[in-house]
Amino acid sequence: MEKKLTNQITEAKIKRYFGISEKAYEIAQKSINPEKKKEADKILEMVKCYLSDARHFESQGDFINAFAAINYAQGWMDSGARLGIFKVQDDKLFTIE
């Protein structure tokens, strides 16, 4: 039986994680707690930068750094969700509990 490699960052994995984080970004932009708009704007700017960096790394074939940047972007959004900066309910896209 052939063992499946799980220690590689494939192009398919990058695309999957981009899909998750870009969808979460769209939802976060529409789910800002009005009382925390200033904080939300700062978080969303960081997310935008990290996703842009990830796209750059992906275009260079550097999937390791692309994957890392995607995960930083997601981490920013998750922290915003946990702190109530984004009013989101989707526990598939955000760590809310």
Protein backbone atom coordinates (compact mmCIF):
# COMPACT_ATOMS: atom_id res chain seq x y z
CA MET A 1 0.00 0.00 0.00
CA GLU A 2 1.33 3.43 -0.99
CA LYS A 3 1.60 5.92 1.85
CA LYS A 4 0.03 9.33 1.23
CA LEU A 5 2.45 12.22 1.73
CA THR A 6 1.10 14.79 4.16
CA ASN A 7 4.26 16.78 4.70
CA GLN A 8 4.17 18.64 1.40
CA ILE A 9 2.48 21.86 0.47
CA THR A 10 0.98 21.20 -2.91
CA GLU A 11 -0.56 23.60 -5.37
CA ALA A 12 -3.94 22.03 -4.61
CA LYS A 13 -3.50 22.71 -0.89
CA ILE A 14 -2.55 26.33 -1.58
CA LYS A 15 -5.65 26.79 -3.73
CA ARG A 16 -7.84 25.23 -1.04
CA TYR A 17 -6.49 27.52 1.68
CA PHE A 18 -6.73 30.59 -0.55
CA GLY A 19 -10.38 29.71 -1.11
CA ILE A 20 -11.06 29.48 2.61
CA SER A 21 -9.21 32.65 3.57
CA GLU A 22 -10.49 34.77 0.68
CA LYS A 23 -14.07 33.75 1.46
CA ALA A 24 -13.50 34.53 5.15
CA TYR A 25 -12.04 37.92 4.17
CA GLU A 26 -15.15 38.78 2.15
CA ILE A 27 -17.39 37.81 5.06
CA ALA A 28 -15.27 39.69 7.62
CA GLN A 29 -15.50 42.88 5.53
CA LYS A 30 -19.30 42.67 5.70
CA SER A 31 -19.46 41.67 9.37
CA ILE A 32 -17.67 44.50 11.14
CA ASN A 33 -18.87 45.35 14.62
CA PRO A 34 -19.63 49.09 14.24
CA GLU A 35 -18.27 49.75 17.72
CA LYS A 36 -14.91 48.30 16.68
CA LYS A 37 -14.54 49.66 13.14
CA LYS A 38 -11.10 51.17 13.80
CA GLU A 39 -9.75 47.81 14.98
CA ALA A 40 -11.46 46.00 12.11
CA ASP A 41 -9.88 48.31 9.55
CA LYS A 42 -6.42 47.59 10.95
CA ILE A 43 -7.00 43.84 10.92
CA LEU A 44 -8.42 43.86 7.41
CA GLU A 45 -5.43 45.84 6.16
CA MET A 46 -3.08 43.21 7.60
CA VAL A 47 -5.16 40.42 6.06
CA LYS A 48 -5.09 42.15 2.68
CA CYS A 49 -1.30 42.51 2.87
CA TYR A 50 -0.73 38.90 3.90
CA LEU A 51 -3.00 37.58 1.15
CA SER A 52 -1.17 39.77 -1.35
CA ASP A 53 2.16 38.43 -0.10
CA ALA A 54 0.81 34.90 -0.39
CA ARG A 55 -0.18 35.50 -4.02
CA HIS A 56 3.31 36.84 -4.73
CA PHE A 57 4.97 33.80 -3.16
CA GLU A 58 2.60 31.49 -5.03
CA SER A 59 3.50 33.16 -8.35
CA GLN A 60 7.15 32.49 -7.58
CA GLY A 61 6.44 28.81 -6.86
CA ASP A 62 7.29 29.37 -3.18
CA PHE A 63 4.42 27.39 -1.68
CA ILE A 64 5.94 27.25 1.79
CA ASN A 65 5.94 31.02 2.25
CA ALA A 66 2.60 31.33 0.45
CA PHE A 67 1.09 28.84 2.90
CA ALA A 68 2.61 30.69 5.85
CA ALA A 69 1.24 34.05 4.65
CA ILE A 70 -2.24 32.59 4.12
CA ASN A 71 -2.18 31.23 7.65
CA TYR A 72 -1.10 34.59 9.09
CA ALA A 73 -4.01 36.23 7.25
CA GLN A 74 -6.40 33.65 8.65
CA GLY A 75 -4.97 34.11 12.14
CA TRP A 76 -5.66 37.83 12.02
CA MET A 77 -9.27 37.18 11.02
CA ASP A 78 -9.71 34.51 13.67
CA SER A 79 -8.44 36.86 16.36
CA GLY A 80 -10.88 39.53 15.16
CA ALA A 81 -13.72 37.02 15.30
CA ARG A 82 -12.76 35.86 18.80
CA LEU A 83 -12.52 39.46 20.05
CA GLY A 84 -15.92 40.39 18.65
CA ILE A 85 -14.48 42.76 16.06
CA PHE A 86 -16.19 40.73 13.35
CA LYS A 87 -19.70 39.47 14.02
CA VAL A 88 -19.41 36.08 12.33
CA GLN A 89 -21.04 32.73 13.03
CA ASP A 90 -19.33 30.43 10.51
CA ASP A 91 -17.15 28.05 12.52
CA LYS A 92 -15.83 26.50 9.30
CA LEU A 93 -14.19 29.76 8.18
CA PHE A 94 -13.39 31.29 11.57
CA THR A 95 -12.21 30.04 14.94
CA ILE A 96 -15.01 31.42 17.03
CA GLU A 97 -15.16 29.01 19.95
